[in-house]
Amino acid sequence: MTPEQENQLFLSIGQIQATQTAILKEVTEIKKDLTKRVDSLEARVETVESHVTNNRIKIAGFGGGAGLAVAIAVELLKLKTGG
């Protein structure tokens, strides 16, 4: 191998290493971006779950309150009608 060929070989190896480093860096950045997006989506899901749970509690409370109101109304009607 001539000195010029050796020099070309080392230059090619250096370019390959630089390309691999750049690819690895890009993959790392993509992973960070995806992780950030997933974390953001998880936070959104937790917020939605919290709202749904709160709404279910409110609806159950309204349902229980409505049921209680109906029971009271029935008892009042019984008292008025002597039932």
N, C-alpha and C. Protein backbone atom coordinates (compact mmCIF):
# COMPACT_ATOMS: atom_id res chain seq x y z
N MET A 1 0.88 -1.17 0.00
CA MET A 1 0.00 0.00 0.00
C MET A 1 0.92 1.23 0.00
N THR A 2 0.59 2.14 -0.87
CA THR A 2 1.41 3.35 -0.97
C THR A 2 1.03 4.31 0.13
N PRO A 3 1.89 5.25 0.45
CA PRO A 3 1.56 6.25 1.46
C PRO A 3 0.28 7.03 1.11
N GLU A 4 0.07 7.28 -0.15
CA GLU A 4 -1.16 7.99 -0.58
C GLU A 4 -2.39 7.13 -0.31
N GLN A 5 -2.31 5.84 -0.56
CA GLN A 5 -3.44 4.93 -0.29
C GLN A 5 -3.70 4.84 1.22
N GLU A 6 -2.63 4.76 2.00
CA GLU A 6 -2.80 4.73 3.45
C GLU A 6 -3.47 6.00 3.94
N ASN A 7 -3.03 7.12 3.43
CA ASN A 7 -3.61 8.40 3.80
C ASN A 7 -5.10 8.43 3.44
N GLN A 8 -5.43 7.94 2.25
CA GLN A 8 -6.83 7.90 1.81
C GLN A 8 -7.65 6.97 2.70
N LEU A 9 -7.06 5.85 3.08
CA LEU A 9 -7.73 4.89 3.97
C LEU A 9 -8.04 5.54 5.32
N PHE A 10 -7.05 6.22 5.90
CA PHE A 10 -7.27 6.86 7.20
C PHE A 10 -8.30 7.99 7.09
N LEU A 11 -8.30 8.71 5.98
CA LEU A 11 -9.31 9.75 5.78
C LEU A 11 -10.71 9.14 5.69
N SER A 12 -10.82 8.03 4.98
CA SER A 12 -12.12 7.35 4.85
C SER A 12 -12.60 6.83 6.20
N ILE A 13 -11.68 6.26 6.97
CA ILE A 13 -12.04 5.77 8.31
C ILE A 13 -12.51 6.93 9.18
N GLY A 14 -11.82 8.05 9.11
CA GLY A 14 -12.22 9.23 9.88
C GLY A 14 -13.59 9.73 9.47
N GLN A 15 -13.89 9.71 8.17
CA GLN A 15 -15.20 10.15 7.69
C GLN A 15 -16.30 9.20 8.17
N ILE A 16 -16.01 7.92 8.15
CA ILE A 16 -16.98 6.92 8.62
C ILE A 16 -17.27 7.14 10.11
N GLN A 17 -16.22 7.35 10.90
CA GLN A 17 -16.40 7.58 12.33
C GLN A 17 -17.21 8.86 12.57
N ALA A 18 -16.92 9.90 11.80
CA ALA A 18 -17.66 11.16 11.96
C ALA A 18 -19.13 10.97 11.61
N THR A 19 -19.40 10.19 10.56
CA THR A 19 -20.77 9.92 10.16
C THR A 19 -21.49 9.12 11.24
N GLN A 20 -20.82 8.12 11.79
CA GLN A 20 -21.43 7.32 12.86
C GLN A 20 -21.73 8.17 14.08
N THR A 21 -20.82 9.06 14.43
CA THR A 21 -21.02 9.95 15.56
C THR A 21 -22.21 10.87 15.33
N ALA A 22 -22.32 11.41 14.12
CA ALA A 22 -23.44 12.30 13.78
C ALA A 22 -24.76 11.54 13.84
N ILE A 23 -24.78 10.32 13.33
CA ILE A 23 -26.00 9.50 13.36
C ILE A 23 -26.39 9.21 14.81
N LEU A 24 -25.42 8.82 15.62
CA LEU A 24 -25.70 8.52 17.03
C LEU A 24 -26.26 9.75 17.74
N LYS A 25 -25.67 10.91 17.46
CA LYS A 25 -26.16 12.14 18.07
C LYS A 25 -27.60 12.43 17.64
N GLU A 26 -27.90 12.23 16.37
CA GLU A 26 -29.25 12.47 15.86
C GLU A 26 -30.26 11.51 16.49
N VAL A 27 -29.87 10.25 16.61
CA VAL A 27 -30.74 9.25 17.25
C VAL A 27 -31.00 9.63 18.70
N THR A 28 -29.98 10.10 19.39
CA THR A 28 -30.13 10.54 20.78
C THR A 28 -31.11 11.71 20.88
N GLU A 29 -31.01 12.66 19.96
CA GLU A 29 -31.92 13.80 19.95
C GLU A 29 -33.36 13.36 19.67
N ILE A 30 -33.52 12.43 18.74
CA ILE A 30 -34.86 11.91 18.43
C ILE A 30 -35.45 11.21 19.66
N LYS A 31 -34.62 10.43 20.35
CA LYS A 31 -35.08 9.73 21.56
C LYS A 31 -35.52 10.74 22.62
N LYS A 32 -34.73 11.81 22.81
CA LYS A 32 -35.10 12.84 23.79
C LYS A 32 -36.43 13.47 23.42
N ASP A 33 -36.61 13.78 22.12
CA ASP A 33 -37.84 14.41 21.66
C ASP A 33 -39.03 13.48 21.87
N LEU A 34 -38.87 12.20 21.54
CA LEU A 34 -39.96 11.25 21.74
C LEU A 34 -40.30 11.08 23.21
N THR A 35 -39.28 11.03 24.05
CA THR A 35 -39.51 10.90 25.49
C THR A 35 -40.29 12.11 26.01
N LYS A 36 -39.91 13.29 25.55
CA LYS A 36 -40.61 14.51 25.96
C LYS A 36 -42.07 14.48 25.51
N ARG A 37 -42.30 14.03 24.29
CA ARG A 37 -43.68 13.96 23.78
C ARG A 37 -44.51 12.93 24.55
N VAL A 38 -43.91 11.78 24.84
CA VAL A 38 -44.62 10.75 25.60
C VAL A 38 -44.95 11.26 27.00
N ASP A 39 -44.00 11.93 27.63
CA ASP A 39 -44.25 12.49 28.97
C ASP A 39 -45.40 13.49 28.91
N SER A 40 -45.43 14.30 27.86
CA SER A 40 -46.50 15.29 27.70
C SER A 40 -47.85 14.60 27.52
N LEU A 41 -47.86 13.54 26.73
CA LEU A 41 -49.11 12.79 26.52
C LEU A 41 -49.56 12.11 27.82
N GLU A 42 -48.62 11.58 28.57
CA GLU A 42 -48.97 10.95 29.85
C GLU A 42 -49.58 11.97 30.80
N ALA A 43 -49.04 13.17 30.81
CA ALA A 43 -49.58 14.22 31.67
C ALA A 43 -51.00 14.58 31.23
N ARG A 44 -51.22 14.64 29.92
CA ARG A 44 -52.57 14.92 29.42
C ARG A 44 -53.55 13.83 29.81
N VAL A 45 -53.12 12.58 29.67
CA VAL A 45 -53.99 11.44 30.02
C VAL A 45 -54.34 11.50 31.50
N GLU A 46 -53.36 11.80 32.34
CA GLU A 46 -53.62 11.90 33.78
C GLU A 46 -54.62 13.01 34.08
N THR A 47 -54.49 14.14 33.37
CA THR A 47 -55.43 15.24 33.56
C THR A 47 -56.84 14.83 33.15
N VAL A 48 -56.95 14.17 32.00
CA VAL A 48 -58.26 13.71 31.53
C VAL A 48 -58.86 12.69 32.49
N GLU A 49 -58.04 11.76 32.96
CA GLU A 49 -58.53 10.76 33.92
C GLU A 49 -59.03 11.44 35.19
N SER A 50 -58.32 12.45 35.64
CA SER A 50 -58.73 13.18 36.83
C SER A 50 -60.07 13.87 36.60
N HIS A 51 -60.23 14.51 35.44
CA HIS A 51 -61.50 15.19 35.14
C HIS A 51 -62.65 14.18 35.05
N VAL A 52 -62.38 13.04 34.41
CA VAL A 52 -63.42 12.01 34.29
C VAL A 52 -63.82 11.50 35.67
N THR A 53 -62.84 11.26 36.51
CA THR A 53 -63.13 10.78 37.87
C THR A 53 -63.94 11.82 38.63
N ASN A 54 -63.54 13.07 38.54
CA ASN A 54 -64.29 14.13 39.23
C ASN A 54 -65.71 14.23 38.71
N ASN A 55 -65.88 14.11 37.39
CA ASN A 55 -67.22 14.16 36.81
C ASN A 55 -68.06 12.98 37.26
N ARG A 56 -67.45 11.81 37.36
CA ARG A 56 -68.20 10.63 37.84
C ARG A 56 -68.65 10.84 39.28
N ILE A 57 -67.77 11.42 40.08
CA ILE A 57 -68.12 11.68 41.48
C ILE A 57 -69.28 12.68 41.54
N LYS A 58 -69.21 13.73 40.73
CA LYS A 58 -70.29 14.73 40.70
C LYS A 58 -71.60 14.10 40.25
N ILE A 59 -71.53 13.29 39.19
CA ILE A 59 -72.75 12.65 38.68
C ILE A 59 -73.33 11.71 39.73
N ALA A 60 -72.45 10.95 40.39
CA ALA A 60 -72.93 10.05 41.44
C ALA A 60 -73.56 10.85 42.57
N GLY A 61 -72.94 11.99 42.88
CA GLY A 61 -73.50 12.85 43.93
C GLY A 61 -74.85 13.41 43.53
N PHE A 62 -74.96 13.84 42.27
CA PHE A 62 -76.25 14.35 41.79
C PHE A 62 -77.29 13.23 41.78
N GLY A 63 -76.87 12.05 41.34
CA GLY A 63 -77.79 10.91 41.30
C GLY A 63 -78.24 10.54 42.71
N GLY A 64 -77.30 10.52 43.63
CA GLY A 64 -77.66 10.21 45.02
C GLY A 64 -78.54 11.29 45.60
N GLY A 65 -78.22 12.55 45.27
CA GLY A 65 -79.04 13.67 45.75
C GLY A 65 -80.44 13.63 45.16
N ALA A 66 -80.53 13.28 43.89
CA ALA A 66 -81.84 13.19 43.23
C ALA A 66 -82.65 12.05 43.82
N GLY A 67 -81.96 10.92 44.07
CA GLY A 67 -82.65 9.79 44.68
C GLY A 67 -83.16 10.14 46.06
N LEU A 68 -82.37 10.87 46.83
CA LEU A 68 -82.77 11.30 48.16
C LEU A 68 -83.95 12.26 48.07
N ALA A 69 -83.91 13.18 47.10
CA ALA A 69 -85.00 14.14 46.93
C ALA A 69 -86.31 13.41 46.58
N VAL A 70 -86.21 12.40 45.72
CA VAL A 70 -87.40 11.62 45.35
C VAL A 70 -87.93 10.88 46.57
N ALA A 71 -87.05 10.30 47.35
CA ALA A 71 -87.48 9.56 48.55
C ALA A 71 -88.16 10.51 49.54
N ILE A 72 -87.60 11.72 49.70
CA ILE A 72 -88.22 12.70 50.59
C ILE A 72 -89.58 13.12 50.06
N ALA A 73 -89.67 13.35 48.74
CA ALA A 73 -90.93 13.75 48.14
C ALA A 73 -91.98 12.66 48.33
N VAL A 74 -91.59 11.40 48.14
CA VAL A 74 -92.53 10.28 48.35
C VAL A 74 -93.00 10.25 49.79
N GLU A 75 -92.09 10.44 50.74
CA GLU A 75 -92.48 10.43 52.14
C GLU A 75 -93.41 11.61 52.45
N LEU A 76 -93.13 12.78 51.88
CA LEU A 76 -94.01 13.92 52.08
C LEU A 76 -95.40 13.67 51.51
N LEU A 77 -95.46 13.06 50.34
CA LEU A 77 -96.74 12.74 49.75
C LEU A 77 -97.51 11.72 50.61
N LYS A 78 -96.77 10.78 51.16
CA LYS A 78 -97.40 9.80 52.04
C LYS A 78 -98.01 10.49 53.25
N LEU A 79 -97.27 11.46 53.80
CA LEU A 79 -97.77 12.17 54.97
C LEU A 79 -99.01 12.98 54.65
N LYS A 80 -99.01 13.64 53.48
CA LYS A 80 -100.15 14.47 53.08
C LYS A 80 -101.37 13.62 52.78
N THR A 81 -101.15 12.47 52.18
CA THR A 81 -102.27 11.64 51.77
C THR A 81 -102.65 10.65 52.87
N GLY A 82 -101.88 10.63 53.91
CA GLY A 82 -102.18 9.75 55.01
C GLY A 82 -101.76 8.32 54.73
N GLY A 83 -100.86 8.15 53.75
CA GLY A 83 -100.44 6.80 53.32
C GLY A 83 -99.40 6.27 54.17
